[in-house]
């Protein structure tokens, strides 16, 4: 017989970092699609 206690608080300050660049669609620098004429984000 035993009691198992679990920590159910938020566990904070766990570091992360992207090992390689990841793509992001930046709509603040939108450009026209030369094929369709529609506005698309700058990747």
ModelCIF file with pLDDT and N, C-alpha, C, O atoms, coordinates in Angstrom:
data_MODEL
#
_entry.id   MODEL 
#
_entity.id                         1 
_entity.type                       polymer 
_entity.pdbx_number_of_molecules   1 
#
_entity_poly.entity_id                      1 
_entity_poly.type                           'polypeptide(L)' 
_entity_poly.nstd_linkage                   no 
_entity_poly.nstd_monomer                   no 
_entity_poly.pdbx_seq_one_letter_code       
;(UNK)(UNK)(UNK)(UNK)(UNK)(UNK)(UNK)(UNK)(UNK)(UNK)(UNK)(UNK)(UNK)(UNK)(UNK)(UNK)
(UNK)(UNK)(UNK)(UNK)(UNK)(UNK)(UNK)(UNK)(UNK)(UNK)(UNK)(UNK)(UNK)(UNK)(UNK)(UNK)
(UNK)(UNK)(UNK)(UNK)(UNK)(UNK)(UNK)(UNK)(UNK)(UNK)(UNK)
;
_entity_poly.pdbx_seq_one_letter_code_can   XXXXXXXXXXXXXXXXXXXXXXXXXXXXXXXXXXXXXXXXXXX 
_entity_poly.pdbx_strand_id                 A 
#
loop_
_entity_poly_seq.entity_id 
_entity_poly_seq.num 
_entity_poly_seq.mon_id 
_entity_poly_seq.hetero 
1 1  UNK n 
1 2  UNK n 
1 3  UNK n 
1 4  UNK n 
1 5  UNK n 
1 6  UNK n 
1 7  UNK n 
1 8  UNK n 
1 9  UNK n 
1 10 UNK n 
1 11 UNK n 
1 12 UNK n 
1 13 UNK n 
1 14 UNK n 
1 15 UNK n 
1 16 UNK n 
1 17 UNK n 
1 18 UNK n 
1 19 UNK n 
1 20 UNK n 
1 21 UNK n 
1 22 UNK n 
1 23 UNK n 
1 24 UNK n 
1 25 UNK n 
1 26 UNK n 
1 27 UNK n 
1 28 UNK n 
1 29 UNK n 
1 30 UNK n 
1 31 UNK n 
1 32 UNK n 
1 33 UNK n 
1 34 UNK n 
1 35 UNK n 
1 36 UNK n 
1 37 UNK n 
1 38 UNK n 
1 39 UNK n 
1 40 UNK n 
1 41 UNK n 
1 42 UNK n 
1 43 UNK n 
#
_struct_asym.id          A 
_struct_asym.entity_id   1 
#
loop_
_ma_qa_metric.id 
_ma_qa_metric.mode 
_ma_qa_metric.name 
_ma_qa_metric.software_group_id 
_ma_qa_metric.type 
1 global pLDDT . pLDDT 
2 local  pLDDT . pLDDT 
#
_ma_qa_metric_global.metric_id      1 
_ma_qa_metric_global.metric_value   92.09 
_ma_qa_metric_global.model_id       1 
_ma_qa_metric_global.ordinal_id     1 
#
loop_
_ma_qa_metric_local.label_asym_id 
_ma_qa_metric_local.label_comp_id 
_ma_qa_metric_local.label_seq_id 
_ma_qa_metric_local.metric_id 
_ma_qa_metric_local.metric_value 
_ma_qa_metric_local.model_id 
_ma_qa_metric_local.ordinal_id 
A UNK 1  2 86.00 1 1  
A UNK 2  2 91.00 1 2  
A UNK 3  2 92.00 1 3  
A UNK 4  2 94.00 1 4  
A UNK 5  2 96.00 1 5  
A UNK 6  2 95.00 1 6  
A UNK 7  2 97.00 1 7  
A UNK 8  2 95.00 1 8  
A UNK 9  2 96.00 1 9  
A UNK 10 2 96.00 1 10 
A UNK 11 2 96.00 1 11 
A UNK 12 2 95.00 1 12 
A UNK 13 2 95.00 1 13 
A UNK 14 2 96.00 1 14 
A UNK 15 2 94.00 1 15 
A UNK 16 2 94.00 1 16 
A UNK 17 2 93.00 1 17 
A UNK 18 2 92.00 1 18 
A UNK 19 2 89.00 1 19 
A UNK 20 2 92.00 1 20 
A UNK 21 2 94.00 1 21 
A UNK 22 2 95.00 1 22 
A UNK 23 2 95.00 1 23 
A UNK 24 2 96.00 1 24 
A UNK 25 2 95.00 1 25 
A UNK 26 2 95.00 1 26 
A UNK 27 2 94.00 1 27 
A UNK 28 2 91.00 1 28 
A UNK 29 2 91.00 1 29 
A UNK 30 2 90.00 1 30 
A UNK 31 2 89.00 1 31 
A UNK 32 2 88.00 1 32 
A UNK 33 2 84.00 1 33 
A UNK 34 2 80.00 1 34 
A UNK 35 2 85.00 1 35 
A UNK 36 2 87.00 1 36 
A UNK 37 2 83.00 1 37 
A UNK 38 2 90.00 1 38 
A UNK 39 2 92.00 1 39 
A UNK 40 2 92.00 1 40 
A UNK 41 2 93.00 1 41 
A UNK 42 2 93.00 1 42 
A UNK 43 2 94.00 1 43 
#
loop_
_atom_site.group_PDB 
_atom_site.id 
_atom_site.type_symbol 
_atom_site.label_atom_id 
_atom_site.label_alt_id 
_atom_site.label_comp_id 
_atom_site.label_asym_id 
_atom_site.label_entity_id 
_atom_site.label_seq_id 
_atom_site.pdbx_PDB_ins_code 
_atom_site.Cartn_x 
_atom_site.Cartn_y 
_atom_site.Cartn_z 
_atom_site.occupancy 
_atom_site.B_iso_or_equiv 
_atom_site.pdbx_formal_charge 
_atom_site.auth_seq_id 
_atom_site.auth_comp_id 
_atom_site.auth_asym_id 
_atom_site.auth_atom_id 
_atom_site.pdbx_PDB_model_num 
ATOM 1   N N  . UNK A 1 1  ? 0.832  -1.187 0.000   1.00 86.00 ? 1  UNK A N  1 
ATOM 2   C CA . UNK A 1 1  ? 0.000  0.000  0.000   1.00 86.00 ? 1  UNK A CA 1 
ATOM 3   C C  . UNK A 1 1  ? 0.877  1.252  0.000   1.00 86.00 ? 1  UNK A C  1 
ATOM 4   O O  . UNK A 1 1  ? 1.870  1.331  0.724   1.00 86.00 ? 1  UNK A O  1 
ATOM 5   N N  . UNK A 1 2  ? 0.493  2.222  -0.823  1.00 91.00 ? 2  UNK A N  1 
ATOM 6   C CA . UNK A 1 2  ? 1.286  3.452  -0.928  1.00 91.00 ? 2  UNK A CA 1 
ATOM 7   C C  . UNK A 1 2  ? 0.404  4.571  -1.440  1.00 91.00 ? 2  UNK A C  1 
ATOM 8   O O  . UNK A 1 2  ? -0.615 4.343  -2.091  1.00 91.00 ? 2  UNK A O  1 
ATOM 9   N N  . UNK A 1 3  ? 0.823  5.785  -1.130  1.00 92.00 ? 3  UNK A N  1 
ATOM 10  C CA . UNK A 1 3  ? 0.173  6.973  -1.662  1.00 92.00 ? 3  UNK A CA 1 
ATOM 11  C C  . UNK A 1 3  ? 1.145  7.624  -2.648  1.00 92.00 ? 3  UNK A C  1 
ATOM 12  O O  . UNK A 1 3  ? 2.287  7.924  -2.300  1.00 92.00 ? 3  UNK A O  1 
ATOM 13  N N  . UNK A 1 4  ? 0.682  7.839  -3.877  1.00 94.00 ? 4  UNK A N  1 
ATOM 14  C CA . UNK A 1 4  ? 1.480  8.511  -4.887  1.00 94.00 ? 4  UNK A CA 1 
ATOM 15  C C  . UNK A 1 4  ? 0.974  9.949  -5.009  1.00 94.00 ? 4  UNK A C  1 
ATOM 16  O O  . UNK A 1 4  ? -0.180 10.200 -5.358  1.00 94.00 ? 4  UNK A O  1 
ATOM 17  N N  . UNK A 1 5  ? 1.867  10.869 -4.712  1.00 96.00 ? 5  UNK A N  1 
ATOM 18  C CA . UNK A 1 5  ? 1.531  12.279 -4.796  1.00 96.00 ? 5  UNK A CA 1 
ATOM 19  C C  . UNK A 1 5  ? 2.003  12.840 -6.142  1.00 96.00 ? 5  UNK A C  1 
ATOM 20  O O  . UNK A 1 5  ? 3.134  12.597 -6.563  1.00 96.00 ? 5  UNK A O  1 
ATOM 21  N N  . UNK A 1 6  ? 1.122  13.593 -6.809  1.00 95.00 ? 6  UNK A N  1 
ATOM 22  C CA . UNK A 1 6  ? 1.440  14.182 -8.105  1.00 95.00 ? 6  UNK A CA 1 
ATOM 23  C C  . UNK A 1 6  ? 1.418  15.710 -7.994  1.00 95.00 ? 6  UNK A C  1 
ATOM 24  O O  . UNK A 1 6  ? 0.559  16.294 -7.332  1.00 95.00 ? 6  UNK A O  1 
ATOM 25  N N  . UNK A 1 7  ? 2.368  16.321 -8.646  1.00 97.00 ? 7  UNK A N  1 
ATOM 26  C CA . UNK A 1 7  ? 2.453  17.780 -8.700  1.00 97.00 ? 7  UNK A CA 1 
ATOM 27  C C  . UNK A 1 7  ? 1.572  18.258 -9.864  1.00 97.00 ? 7  UNK A C  1 
ATOM 28  O O  . UNK A 1 7  ? 1.940  18.098 -11.028 1.00 97.00 ? 7  UNK A O  1 
ATOM 29  N N  . UNK A 1 8  ? 0.407  18.846 -9.547  1.00 95.00 ? 8  UNK A N  1 
ATOM 30  C CA . UNK A 1 8  ? -0.519 19.253 -10.612 1.00 95.00 ? 8  UNK A CA 1 
ATOM 31  C C  . UNK A 1 8  ? -0.518 20.772 -10.824 1.00 95.00 ? 8  UNK A C  1 
ATOM 32  O O  . UNK A 1 8  ? -1.414 21.310 -11.474 1.00 95.00 ? 8  UNK A O  1 
ATOM 33  N N  . UNK A 1 9  ? 0.480  21.451 -10.280 1.00 96.00 ? 9  UNK A N  1 
ATOM 34  C CA . UNK A 1 9  ? 0.644  22.877 -10.579 1.00 96.00 ? 9  UNK A CA 1 
ATOM 35  C C  . UNK A 1 9  ? 1.260  23.028 -11.971 1.00 96.00 ? 9  UNK A C  1 
ATOM 36  O O  . UNK A 1 9  ? 1.785  22.066 -12.532 1.00 96.00 ? 9  UNK A O  1 
ATOM 37  N N  . UNK A 1 10 ? 1.191  24.252 -12.527 1.00 96.00 ? 10 UNK A N  1 
ATOM 38  C CA . UNK A 1 10 ? 1.874  24.520 -13.785 1.00 96.00 ? 10 UNK A CA 1 
ATOM 39  C C  . UNK A 1 10 ? 3.381  24.486 -13.551 1.00 96.00 ? 10 UNK A C  1 
ATOM 40  O O  . UNK A 1 10 ? 3.896  25.130 -12.637 1.00 96.00 ? 10 UNK A O  1 
ATOM 41  N N  . UNK A 1 11 ? 4.071  23.730 -14.383 1.00 96.00 ? 11 UNK A N  1 
ATOM 42  C CA . UNK A 1 11 ? 5.526  23.629 -14.290 1.00 96.00 ? 11 UNK A CA 1 
ATOM 43  C C  . UNK A 1 11 ? 6.101  24.651 -15.261 1.00 96.00 ? 11 UNK A C  1 
ATOM 44  O O  . UNK A 1 11 ? 5.940  24.518 -16.474 1.00 96.00 ? 11 UNK A O  1 
ATOM 45  N N  . UNK A 1 12 ? 6.765  25.663 -14.735 1.00 95.00 ? 12 UNK A N  1 
ATOM 46  C CA . UNK A 1 12 ? 7.154  26.830 -15.533 1.00 95.00 ? 12 UNK A CA 1 
ATOM 47  C C  . UNK A 1 12 ? 8.636  26.815 -15.912 1.00 95.00 ? 12 UNK A C  1 
ATOM 48  O O  . UNK A 1 12 ? 9.412  25.974 -15.460 1.00 95.00 ? 12 UNK A O  1 
ATOM 49  N N  . UNK A 1 13 ? 8.993  27.785 -16.763 1.00 95.00 ? 13 UNK A N  1 
ATOM 50  C CA . UNK A 1 13 ? 10.397 28.058 -17.130 1.00 95.00 ? 13 UNK A CA 1 
ATOM 51  C C  . UNK A 1 13 ? 11.116 26.860 -17.744 1.00 95.00 ? 13 UNK A C  1 
ATOM 52  O O  . UNK A 1 13 ? 12.267 26.578 -17.410 1.00 95.00 ? 13 UNK A O  1 
ATOM 53  N N  . UNK A 1 14 ? 10.438 26.170 -18.629 1.00 96.00 ? 14 UNK A N  1 
ATOM 54  C CA . UNK A 1 14 ? 11.074 25.076 -19.364 1.00 96.00 ? 14 UNK A CA 1 
ATOM 55  C C  . UNK A 1 14 ? 11.531 25.628 -20.718 1.00 96.00 ? 14 UNK A C  1 
ATOM 56  O O  . UNK A 1 14 ? 10.708 26.053 -21.529 1.00 96.00 ? 14 UNK A O  1 
ATOM 57  N N  . UNK A 1 15 ? 12.806 25.618 -20.949 1.00 94.00 ? 15 UNK A N  1 
ATOM 58  C CA . UNK A 1 15 ? 13.357 26.278 -22.125 1.00 94.00 ? 15 UNK A CA 1 
ATOM 59  C C  . UNK A 1 15 ? 13.092 25.478 -23.398 1.00 94.00 ? 15 UNK A C  1 
ATOM 60  O O  . UNK A 1 15 ? 13.063 24.247 -23.390 1.00 94.00 ? 15 UNK A O  1 
ATOM 61  N N  . UNK A 1 16 ? 12.897 26.221 -24.497 1.00 94.00 ? 16 UNK A N  1 
ATOM 62  C CA . UNK A 1 16 ? 12.758 25.585 -25.805 1.00 94.00 ? 16 UNK A CA 1 
ATOM 63  C C  . UNK A 1 16 ? 13.423 26.475 -26.845 1.00 94.00 ? 16 UNK A C  1 
ATOM 64  O O  . UNK A 1 16 ? 13.638 27.666 -26.618 1.00 94.00 ? 16 UNK A O  1 
ATOM 65  N N  . UNK A 1 17 ? 13.739 25.889 -27.967 1.00 93.00 ? 17 UNK A N  1 
ATOM 66  C CA . UNK A 1 17 ? 14.323 26.629 -29.076 1.00 93.00 ? 17 UNK A CA 1 
ATOM 67  C C  . UNK A 1 17 ? 14.198 25.820 -30.351 1.00 93.00 ? 17 UNK A C  1 
ATOM 68  O O  . UNK A 1 17 ? 14.325 24.596 -30.332 1.00 93.00 ? 17 UNK A O  1 
ATOM 69  N N  . UNK A 1 18 ? 13.951 26.501 -31.458 1.00 92.00 ? 18 UNK A N  1 
ATOM 70  C CA . UNK A 1 18 ? 13.842 25.800 -32.734 1.00 92.00 ? 18 UNK A CA 1 
ATOM 71  C C  . UNK A 1 18 ? 15.249 25.412 -33.198 1.00 92.00 ? 18 UNK A C  1 
ATOM 72  O O  . UNK A 1 18 ? 16.090 26.292 -33.385 1.00 92.00 ? 18 UNK A O  1 
ATOM 73  N N  . UNK A 1 19 ? 15.523 24.128 -33.387 1.00 89.00 ? 19 UNK A N  1 
ATOM 74  C CA . UNK A 1 19 ? 16.871 23.707 -33.791 1.00 89.00 ? 19 UNK A CA 1 
ATOM 75  C C  . UNK A 1 19 ? 17.248 24.210 -35.176 1.00 89.00 ? 19 UNK A C  1 
ATOM 76  O O  . UNK A 1 19 ? 18.429 24.404 -35.464 1.00 89.00 ? 19 UNK A O  1 
ATOM 77  N N  . UNK A 1 20 ? 16.259 24.422 -36.036 1.00 92.00 ? 20 UNK A N  1 
ATOM 78  C CA . UNK A 1 20 ? 16.483 24.932 -37.386 1.00 92.00 ? 20 UNK A CA 1 
ATOM 79  C C  . UNK A 1 20 ? 15.403 25.964 -37.676 1.00 92.00 ? 20 UNK A C  1 
ATOM 80  O O  . UNK A 1 20 ? 14.345 25.930 -37.049 1.00 92.00 ? 20 UNK A O  1 
ATOM 81  N N  . UNK A 1 21 ? 15.644 26.886 -38.616 1.00 94.00 ? 21 UNK A N  1 
ATOM 82  C CA . UNK A 1 21 ? 14.619 27.893 -38.944 1.00 94.00 ? 21 UNK A CA 1 
ATOM 83  C C  . UNK A 1 21 ? 13.315 27.246 -39.403 1.00 94.00 ? 21 UNK A C  1 
ATOM 84  O O  . UNK A 1 21 ? 13.328 26.256 -40.134 1.00 94.00 ? 21 UNK A O  1 
ATOM 85  N N  . UNK A 1 22 ? 12.192 27.813 -38.968 1.00 95.00 ? 22 UNK A N  1 
ATOM 86  C CA . UNK A 1 22 ? 10.874 27.332 -39.377 1.00 95.00 ? 22 UNK A CA 1 
ATOM 87  C C  . UNK A 1 22 ? 10.178 28.432 -40.165 1.00 95.00 ? 22 UNK A C  1 
ATOM 88  O O  . UNK A 1 22 ? 10.440 29.616 -39.951 1.00 95.00 ? 22 UNK A O  1 
ATOM 89  N N  . UNK A 1 23 ? 9.295  28.041 -41.073 1.00 95.00 ? 23 UNK A N  1 
ATOM 90  C CA . UNK A 1 23 ? 8.634  29.018 -41.937 1.00 95.00 ? 23 UNK A CA 1 
ATOM 91  C C  . UNK A 1 23 ? 7.520  29.745 -41.190 1.00 95.00 ? 23 UNK A C  1 
ATOM 92  O O  . UNK A 1 23 ? 6.805  29.157 -40.380 1.00 95.00 ? 23 UNK A O  1 
ATOM 93  N N  . UNK A 1 24 ? 7.393  31.035 -41.483 1.00 96.00 ? 24 UNK A N  1 
ATOM 94  C CA . UNK A 1 24 ? 6.344  31.853 -40.881 1.00 96.00 ? 24 UNK A CA 1 
ATOM 95  C C  . UNK A 1 24 ? 5.756  32.753 -41.955 1.00 96.00 ? 24 UNK A C  1 
ATOM 96  O O  . UNK A 1 24 ? 6.486  33.388 -42.715 1.00 96.00 ? 24 UNK A O  1 
ATOM 97  N N  . UNK A 1 25 ? 4.415  32.803 -42.013 1.00 95.00 ? 25 UNK A N  1 
ATOM 98  C CA . UNK A 1 25 ? 3.720  33.665 -42.978 1.00 95.00 ? 25 UNK A CA 1 
ATOM 99  C C  . UNK A 1 25 ? 3.504  35.040 -42.365 1.00 95.00 ? 25 UNK A C  1 
ATOM 100 O O  . UNK A 1 25 ? 2.686  35.212 -41.461 1.00 95.00 ? 25 UNK A O  1 
ATOM 101 N N  . UNK A 1 26 ? 4.246  36.011 -42.869 1.00 95.00 ? 26 UNK A N  1 
ATOM 102 C CA . UNK A 1 26 ? 4.219  37.356 -42.301 1.00 95.00 ? 26 UNK A CA 1 
ATOM 103 C C  . UNK A 1 26 ? 3.298  38.260 -43.122 1.00 95.00 ? 26 UNK A C  1 
ATOM 104 O O  . UNK A 1 26 ? 3.676  38.744 -44.189 1.00 95.00 ? 26 UNK A O  1 
ATOM 105 N N  . UNK A 1 27 ? 2.089  38.480 -42.611 1.00 94.00 ? 27 UNK A N  1 
ATOM 106 C CA . UNK A 1 27 ? 1.106  39.307 -43.312 1.00 94.00 ? 27 UNK A CA 1 
ATOM 107 C C  . UNK A 1 27 ? 1.423  40.791 -43.196 1.00 94.00 ? 27 UNK A C  1 
ATOM 108 O O  . UNK A 1 27 ? 0.827  41.596 -43.911 1.00 94.00 ? 27 UNK A O  1 
ATOM 109 N N  . UNK A 1 28 ? 2.327  41.171 -42.331 1.00 91.00 ? 28 UNK A N  1 
ATOM 110 C CA . UNK A 1 28 ? 2.691  42.584 -42.256 1.00 91.00 ? 28 UNK A CA 1 
ATOM 111 C C  . UNK A 1 28 ? 3.547  42.995 -43.449 1.00 91.00 ? 28 UNK A C  1 
ATOM 112 O O  . UNK A 1 28 ? 3.777  44.183 -43.675 1.00 91.00 ? 28 UNK A O  1 
ATOM 113 N N  . UNK A 1 29 ? 4.017  42.007 -44.213 1.00 91.00 ? 29 UNK A N  1 
ATOM 114 C CA . UNK A 1 29 ? 4.752  42.279 -45.448 1.00 91.00 ? 29 UNK A CA 1 
ATOM 115 C C  . UNK A 1 29 ? 4.074  41.508 -46.587 1.00 91.00 ? 29 UNK A C  1 
ATOM 116 O O  . UNK A 1 29 ? 4.677  40.635 -47.211 1.00 91.00 ? 29 UNK A O  1 
ATOM 117 N N  . UNK A 1 30 ? 2.816  41.850 -46.841 1.00 90.00 ? 30 UNK A N  1 
ATOM 118 C CA . UNK A 1 30 ? 2.033  41.147 -47.857 1.00 90.00 ? 30 UNK A CA 1 
ATOM 119 C C  . UNK A 1 30 ? 2.506  41.529 -49.258 1.00 90.00 ? 30 UNK A C  1 
ATOM 120 O O  . UNK A 1 30 ? 2.950  42.653 -49.495 1.00 90.00 ? 30 UNK A O  1 
ATOM 121 N N  . UNK A 1 31 ? 2.402  40.578 -50.175 1.00 89.00 ? 31 UNK A N  1 
ATOM 122 C CA . UNK A 1 31 ? 2.824  40.778 -51.557 1.00 89.00 ? 31 UNK A CA 1 
ATOM 123 C C  . UNK A 1 31 ? 1.762  40.229 -52.494 1.00 89.00 ? 31 UNK A C  1 
ATOM 124 O O  . UNK A 1 31 ? 0.994  39.355 -52.091 1.00 89.00 ? 31 UNK A O  1 
ATOM 125 N N  . UNK A 1 32 ? 1.688  40.714 -53.746 1.00 88.00 ? 32 UNK A N  1 
ATOM 126 C CA . UNK A 1 32 ? 0.711  40.167 -54.694 1.00 88.00 ? 32 UNK A CA 1 
ATOM 127 C C  . UNK A 1 32 ? 1.202  38.862 -55.302 1.00 88.00 ? 32 UNK A C  1 
ATOM 128 O O  . UNK A 1 32 ? 2.382  38.714 -55.621 1.00 88.00 ? 32 UNK A O  1 
ATOM 129 N N  . UNK A 1 33 ? 0.286  37.924 -55.456 1.00 84.00 ? 33 UNK A N  1 
ATOM 130 C CA . UNK A 1 33 ? 0.598  36.678 -56.156 1.00 84.00 ? 33 UNK A CA 1 
ATOM 131 C C  . UNK A 1 33 ? 0.623  36.967 -57.655 1.00 84.00 ? 33 UNK A C  1 
ATOM 132 O O  . UNK A 1 33 ? -0.386 37.377 -58.229 1.00 84.00 ? 33 UNK A O  1 
ATOM 133 N N  . UNK A 1 34 ? 1.776  36.752 -58.286 1.00 80.00 ? 34 UNK A N  1 
ATOM 134 C CA . UNK A 1 34 ? 1.929  37.106 -59.692 1.00 80.00 ? 34 UNK A CA 1 
ATOM 135 C C  . UNK A 1 34 ? 1.072  36.240 -60.605 1.00 80.00 ? 34 UNK A C  1 
ATOM 136 O O  . UNK A 1 34 ? 0.805  36.627 -61.743 1.00 80.00 ? 34 UNK A O  1 
ATOM 137 N N  . UNK A 1 35 ? 0.639  35.081 -60.133 1.00 85.00 ? 35 UNK A N  1 
ATOM 138 C CA . UNK A 1 35 ? -0.193 34.202 -60.944 1.00 85.00 ? 35 UNK A CA 1 
ATOM 139 C C  . UNK A 1 35 ? -1.667 34.573 -60.847 1.00 85.00 ? 35 UNK A C  1 
ATOM 140 O O  . UNK A 1 35 ? -2.370 34.612 -61.857 1.00 85.00 ? 35 UNK A O  1 
ATOM 141 N N  . UNK A 1 36 ? -2.139 34.847 -59.621 1.00 87.00 ? 36 UNK A N  1 
ATOM 142 C CA . UNK A 1 36 ? -3.572 35.092 -59.409 1.00 87.00 ? 36 UNK A CA 1 
ATOM 143 C C  . UNK A 1 36 ? -3.907 36.547 -59.129 1.00 87.00 ? 36 UNK A C  1 
ATOM 144 O O  . UNK A 1 36 ? -5.059 36.958 -59.272 1.00 87.00 ? 36 UNK A O  1 
ATOM 145 N N  . UNK A 1 37 ? -2.912 37.329 -58.732 1.00 83.00 ? 37 UNK A N  1 
ATOM 146 C CA . UNK A 1 37 ? -3.164 38.719 -58.371 1.00 83.00 ? 37 UNK A CA 1 
ATOM 147 C C  . UNK A 1 37 ? -3.640 38.897 -56.944 1.00 83.00 ? 37 UNK A C  1 
ATOM 148 O O  . UNK A 1 37 ? -3.796 40.030 -56.489 1.00 83.00 ? 37 UNK A O  1 
ATOM 149 N N  . UNK A 1 38 ? -3.876 37.798 -56.218 1.00 90.00 ? 38 UNK A N  1 
ATOM 150 C CA . UNK A 1 38 ? -4.319 37.880 -54.829 1.00 90.00 ? 38 UNK A CA 1 
ATOM 151 C C  . UNK A 1 38 ? -3.157 38.277 -53.925 1.00 90.00 ? 38 UNK A C  1 
ATOM 152 O O  . UNK A 1 38 ? -1.991 38.049 -54.247 1.00 90.00 ? 38 UNK A O  1 
ATOM 153 N N  . UNK A 1 39 ? -3.497 38.869 -52.798 1.00 92.00 ? 39 UNK A N  1 
ATOM 154 C CA . UNK A 1 39 ? -2.481 39.243 -51.825 1.00 92.00 ? 39 UNK A CA 1 
ATOM 155 C C  . UNK A 1 39 ? -2.133 38.043 -50.961 1.00 92.00 ? 39 UNK A C  1 
ATOM 156 O O  . UNK A 1 39 ? -3.020 37.366 -50.441 1.00 92.00 ? 39 UNK A O  1 
ATOM 157 N N  . UNK A 1 40 ? -0.856 37.782 -50.810 1.00 92.00 ? 40 UNK A N  1 
ATOM 158 C CA . UNK A 1 40 ? -0.380 36.657 -50.006 1.00 92.00 ? 40 UNK A CA 1 
ATOM 159 C C  . UNK A 1 40 ? 0.685  37.148 -49.040 1.00 92.00 ? 40 UNK A C  1 
ATOM 160 O O  . UNK A 1 40 ? 1.307  38.184 -49.278 1.00 92.00 ? 40 UNK A O  1 
ATOM 161 N N  . UNK A 1 41 ? 0.907  36.408 -47.938 1.00 93.00 ? 41 UNK A N  1 
ATOM 162 C CA . UNK A 1 41 ? 1.928  36.845 -46.984 1.00 93.00 ? 41 UNK A CA 1 
ATOM 163 C C  . UNK A 1 41 ? 3.333  36.567 -47.516 1.00 93.00 ? 41 UNK A C  1 
ATOM 164 O O  . UNK A 1 41 ? 3.532  35.720 -48.387 1.00 93.00 ? 41 UNK A O  1 
ATOM 165 N N  . UNK A 1 42 ? 4.281  37.289 -46.978 1.00 93.00 ? 42 UNK A N  1 
ATOM 166 C CA . UNK A 1 42 ? 5.680  37.048 -47.302 1.00 93.00 ? 42 UNK A CA 1 
ATOM 167 C C  . UNK A 1 42 ? 6.166  35.894 -46.417 1.00 93.00 ? 42 UNK A C  1 
ATOM 168 O O  . UNK A 1 42 ? 6.117  35.986 -45.191 1.00 93.00 ? 42 UNK A O  1 
ATOM 169 N N  . UNK A 1 43 ? 6.627  34.827 -47.034 1.00 94.00 ? 43 UNK A N  1 
ATOM 170 C CA . UNK A 1 43 ? 7.105  33.665 -46.273 1.00 94.00 ? 43 UNK A CA 1 
ATOM 171 C C  . UNK A 1 43 ? 8.548  33.892 -45.846 1.00 94.00 ? 43 UNK A C  1 
ATOM 172 O O  . UNK A 1 43 ? 9.141  33.033 -45.194 1.00 94.00 ? 43 UNK A O  1 
#
